[in-house]
Protein backbone atom coordinates (compact mmCIF):
# COMPACT_ATOMS: atom_id res chain seq x y z
CA MET A 1 18.24 17.95 6.30
CA PRO A 2 15.29 17.78 8.70
CA ALA A 3 15.59 15.49 11.69
CA LEU A 4 13.66 12.24 11.50
CA LYS A 5 10.84 11.95 13.98
CA ARG A 6 10.47 8.71 15.88
CA ALA A 7 6.96 7.33 15.55
CA GLU A 8 4.86 7.15 18.66
CA ALA A 9 3.60 3.71 19.69
CA ASN A 10 0.02 4.61 18.76
CA GLU A 11 0.89 6.19 15.38
CA LEU A 12 0.07 4.23 12.26
CA PRO A 13 1.82 4.67 8.94
CA PRO A 14 -0.36 5.90 6.09
CA LYS A 15 -2.32 3.25 4.23
CA ASN A 16 -0.22 3.62 1.06
CA VAL A 17 2.93 2.84 3.08
CA VAL A 18 1.32 -0.29 4.57
CA LEU A 19 0.31 -1.35 1.05
CA ALA A 20 3.87 -0.74 -0.19
CA LEU A 21 5.18 -2.97 2.58
CA ALA A 22 2.67 -5.68 1.66
CA PHE A 23 4.02 -5.60 -1.91
CA ALA A 24 7.63 -5.58 -0.68
CA LEU A 25 6.88 -8.67 1.41
CA GLU A 26 5.18 -10.25 -1.63
CA LEU A 27 2.08 -11.08 0.38
CA SER A 28 -0.84 -12.85 -1.24
CA PHE A 29 -4.09 -10.94 -1.54
CA GLU A 30 -5.52 -12.63 1.56
CA GLU A 31 -2.29 -12.06 3.53
CA ALA A 32 -2.24 -8.41 2.48
CA LYS A 33 -5.85 -7.98 3.65
CA SER A 34 -4.92 -9.45 7.05
CA PHE A 35 -1.79 -7.28 7.18
CA LEU A 36 -3.83 -4.15 6.48
CA ASP A 37 -6.36 -5.23 9.11
CA LEU A 38 -3.57 -5.46 11.70
CA ALA A 39 -2.70 -1.86 10.88
CA GLY A 40 -6.34 -0.83 11.21
CA TYR A 41 -7.09 -0.52 7.48
CA THR A 42 -9.28 -2.31 4.95
CA LEU A 43 -9.29 -2.44 1.16
CA MET A 44 -12.21 -0.48 -0.26
CA CYS A 45 -13.12 -0.92 -3.91
CA SER A 46 -14.37 2.68 -4.09
CA ASP A 47 -10.80 4.02 -3.85
CA ALA A 48 -8.80 3.89 -7.12
CA LEU A 49 -5.48 3.33 -5.27
CA GLU A 50 -6.91 0.33 -3.49
CA THR A 51 -8.59 -1.05 -6.61
CA ILE A 52 -5.26 -0.90 -8.45
CA ALA A 53 -3.43 -2.42 -5.46
CA GLU A 54 -5.99 -5.22 -5.26
CA TYR A 55 -5.58 -5.95 -8.99
CA TYR A 56 -1.79 -6.28 -8.70
CA LEU A 57 -1.98 -8.32 -5.49
CA LYS A 58 -4.37 -10.79 -7.11
CA LYS A 59 -2.09 -11.02 -10.17
CA LYS A 60 0.93 -11.51 -7.85
CA VAL A 61 2.74 -8.57 -9.42
CA TYR A 62 4.96 -7.04 -6.74
CA ASP A 63 6.90 -4.47 -8.82
CA VAL A 64 6.26 -1.24 -6.90
CA LEU A 65 7.58 0.91 -9.77
CA ARG A 66 5.08 -0.68 -12.15
CA ILE A 67 2.27 -0.19 -9.65
CA ASN A 68 3.31 3.43 -9.04
CA ARG A 69 3.22 4.08 -12.81
CA ALA A 70 -0.35 2.75 -12.92
CA LEU A 71 -1.28 4.94 -9.94
CA PHE A 72 0.40 8.00 -11.45
CA GLY A 73 -1.53 7.43 -14.69
CA LYS A 74 -4.78 7.60 -12.69
CA GLU A 75 -3.58 10.66 -10.73
CA GLN A 76 -3.55 8.72 -7.45
CA ARG A 77 -1.10 8.98 -4.59
CA LEU A 78 1.83 6.62 -5.01
CA LEU A 79 2.67 3.69 -2.78
CA VAL A 80 6.00 5.31 -1.98
CA GLY A 81 7.31 8.69 -3.05
């Protein structure tokens, strides 16, 4: 098993991980946007992952497995692997 690497203070997690955490925390759409902004990211409608994430956030659906199935169906990277 490979050793886990401790993140550096200036390292940011990938955007899909930040989105997964927003769903896990059951943030509203506006809260999730602010949360992403704190991590240095924004939601862009041109990205299918983000469009799907936005849809589920606005519908207040926080089931990551359901969201991952939708992402997988569109051949997008998953929120969490």
